[in-house]
Amino acid sequence: MRELLQVQKLQIKKDVIELKQELQPALNVISFIGRFALPDARNNGAVKLGTSVTIDWILKKILASSNPLLRLVVPALVKNYSSHYTDKALPFLIKIKDKLLSKRNKAIRE
């Protein structure tokens, strides 16, 4: 009886693992779509503001003669999606700022 219970537990674990593997593509799609729908809640105000202004400017140029509904929806979706990547870009931007400041300080010293 206990052996049968152990075999059934192992089978259930195996089934759960297989189910997770089968559902992974669907979960990836849901995660991707969620990035468009929900903005990232972490706070990097200056970077997000700069990103938002840049996206508005670029999309205003690109979507100038398109449908007004499209001009309203697309920027919001792109801003929400980009908010998930600003935290990844922040160390890169800090590195650039440090290099620019070090060059400026070096030029001032000379």
Protein backbone atom coordinates (compact mmCIF):
# COMPACT_ATOMS: atom_id res chain seq x y z
CA MET A 1 0.00 0.00 0.00
CA ARG A 2 2.79 2.51 0.88
CA GLU A 3 4.70 1.56 -2.25
CA LEU A 4 1.64 2.34 -4.34
CA LEU A 5 1.30 5.70 -2.55
CA GLN A 6 4.97 6.52 -3.29
CA VAL A 7 4.54 5.60 -6.96
CA GLN A 8 1.44 7.79 -7.19
CA LYS A 9 3.23 10.72 -5.54
CA LEU A 10 6.10 10.40 -8.00
CA GLN A 11 3.64 10.25 -10.89
CA ILE A 12 1.88 13.39 -9.66
CA LYS A 13 5.23 15.24 -9.37
CA LYS A 14 6.14 14.13 -12.88
CA ASP A 15 2.75 15.27 -14.20
CA VAL A 16 3.11 18.68 -12.54
CA ILE A 17 6.57 19.15 -14.07
CA GLU A 18 5.26 18.20 -17.52
CA LEU A 19 2.30 20.55 -17.12
CA LYS A 20 4.61 23.44 -16.20
CA GLN A 21 6.74 22.73 -19.26
CA GLU A 22 3.68 22.64 -21.52
CA LEU A 23 2.31 25.89 -20.10
CA GLN A 24 5.64 27.78 -20.23
CA PRO A 25 5.09 29.24 -23.74
CA ALA A 26 1.66 30.53 -22.71
CA LEU A 27 3.12 32.02 -19.52
CA ASN A 28 5.84 33.71 -21.56
CA VAL A 29 3.21 35.29 -23.83
CA ILE A 30 1.16 36.45 -20.84
CA SER A 31 4.28 37.98 -19.28
CA PHE A 32 5.15 39.76 -22.52
CA ILE A 33 1.62 41.15 -22.92
CA GLY A 34 1.59 42.17 -19.25
CA ARG A 35 4.57 44.41 -19.87
CA PHE A 36 2.48 46.43 -22.31
CA ALA A 37 -0.51 46.61 -19.98
CA LEU A 38 1.14 47.36 -16.63
CA PRO A 39 3.93 49.87 -16.00
CA ASP A 40 6.87 48.95 -13.81
CA ALA A 41 6.41 50.27 -10.27
CA ARG A 42 10.10 50.81 -9.43
CA ASN A 43 11.12 54.42 -9.07
CA ASN A 44 13.74 55.97 -11.35
CA GLY A 45 11.91 59.21 -11.93
CA ALA A 46 14.44 61.06 -14.06
CA VAL A 47 15.13 58.11 -16.35
CA LYS A 48 11.42 57.34 -16.75
CA LEU A 49 10.64 61.00 -17.43
CA GLY A 50 13.37 61.18 -20.07
CA THR A 51 12.18 57.94 -21.64
CA SER A 52 8.58 59.12 -21.62
CA VAL A 53 9.41 62.45 -23.26
CA THR A 54 11.60 60.76 -25.87
CA ILE A 55 8.93 58.18 -26.70
CA ASP A 56 6.30 60.93 -27.01
CA TRP A 57 8.53 62.93 -29.34
CA ILE A 58 9.48 59.98 -31.57
CA LEU A 59 5.97 58.57 -31.80
CA LYS A 60 4.50 62.02 -32.48
CA LYS A 61 6.76 62.22 -35.53
CA ILE A 62 6.03 58.66 -36.67
CA LEU A 63 2.28 58.68 -36.04
CA ALA A 64 1.60 62.27 -37.17
CA SER A 65 -0.79 61.37 -39.97
CA SER A 66 -2.29 58.21 -38.47
CA ASN A 67 -5.58 57.45 -36.78
CA PRO A 68 -6.17 59.60 -33.63
CA LEU A 69 -7.04 56.49 -31.61
CA LEU A 70 -3.75 54.93 -32.64
CA ARG A 71 -1.89 58.11 -31.60
CA LEU A 72 -3.53 57.85 -28.21
CA VAL A 73 -3.02 54.12 -27.54
CA VAL A 74 0.40 53.33 -29.01
CA PRO A 75 2.45 55.79 -26.89
CA ALA A 76 0.85 54.52 -23.68
CA LEU A 77 1.61 50.90 -24.59
CA VAL A 78 5.19 51.66 -25.59
CA LYS A 79 5.80 53.68 -22.40
CA ASN A 80 4.44 50.86 -20.24
CA TYR A 81 6.61 48.34 -22.05
CA SER A 82 9.73 50.49 -21.86
CA SER A 83 9.26 51.09 -18.12
CA HIS A 84 10.28 47.48 -17.54
CA TYR A 85 13.67 48.09 -19.15
CA THR A 86 14.68 51.45 -17.71
CA ASP A 87 16.11 49.79 -14.60
CA LYS A 88 18.32 47.64 -16.79
CA ALA A 89 19.51 50.71 -18.70
CA LEU A 90 20.25 52.75 -15.57
CA PRO A 91 23.72 51.27 -14.83
CA PHE A 92 24.69 51.88 -18.47
CA LEU A 93 23.53 55.49 -18.28
CA ILE A 94 25.41 56.04 -15.02
CA LYS A 95 28.57 54.66 -16.63
CA ILE A 96 28.20 57.08 -19.55
CA LYS A 97 27.59 60.00 -17.17
CA ASP A 98 30.70 59.10 -15.16
CA LYS A 99 32.84 58.93 -18.31
CA LEU A 100 31.55 62.27 -19.55
CA LEU A 101 32.13 63.92 -16.18
CA SER A 102 35.62 62.46 -15.86
CA LYS A 103 36.53 63.81 -19.33
CA ARG A 104 35.10 67.20 -18.43
CA ASN A 105 36.98 67.29 -15.12
CA LYS A 106 40.17 66.23 -16.88
CA ALA A 107 39.74 69.03 -19.45
CA ILE A 108 39.13 71.55 -16.68
CA ARG A 109 42.30 70.48 -14.84
CA GLU A 110 44.40 70.89 -17.98
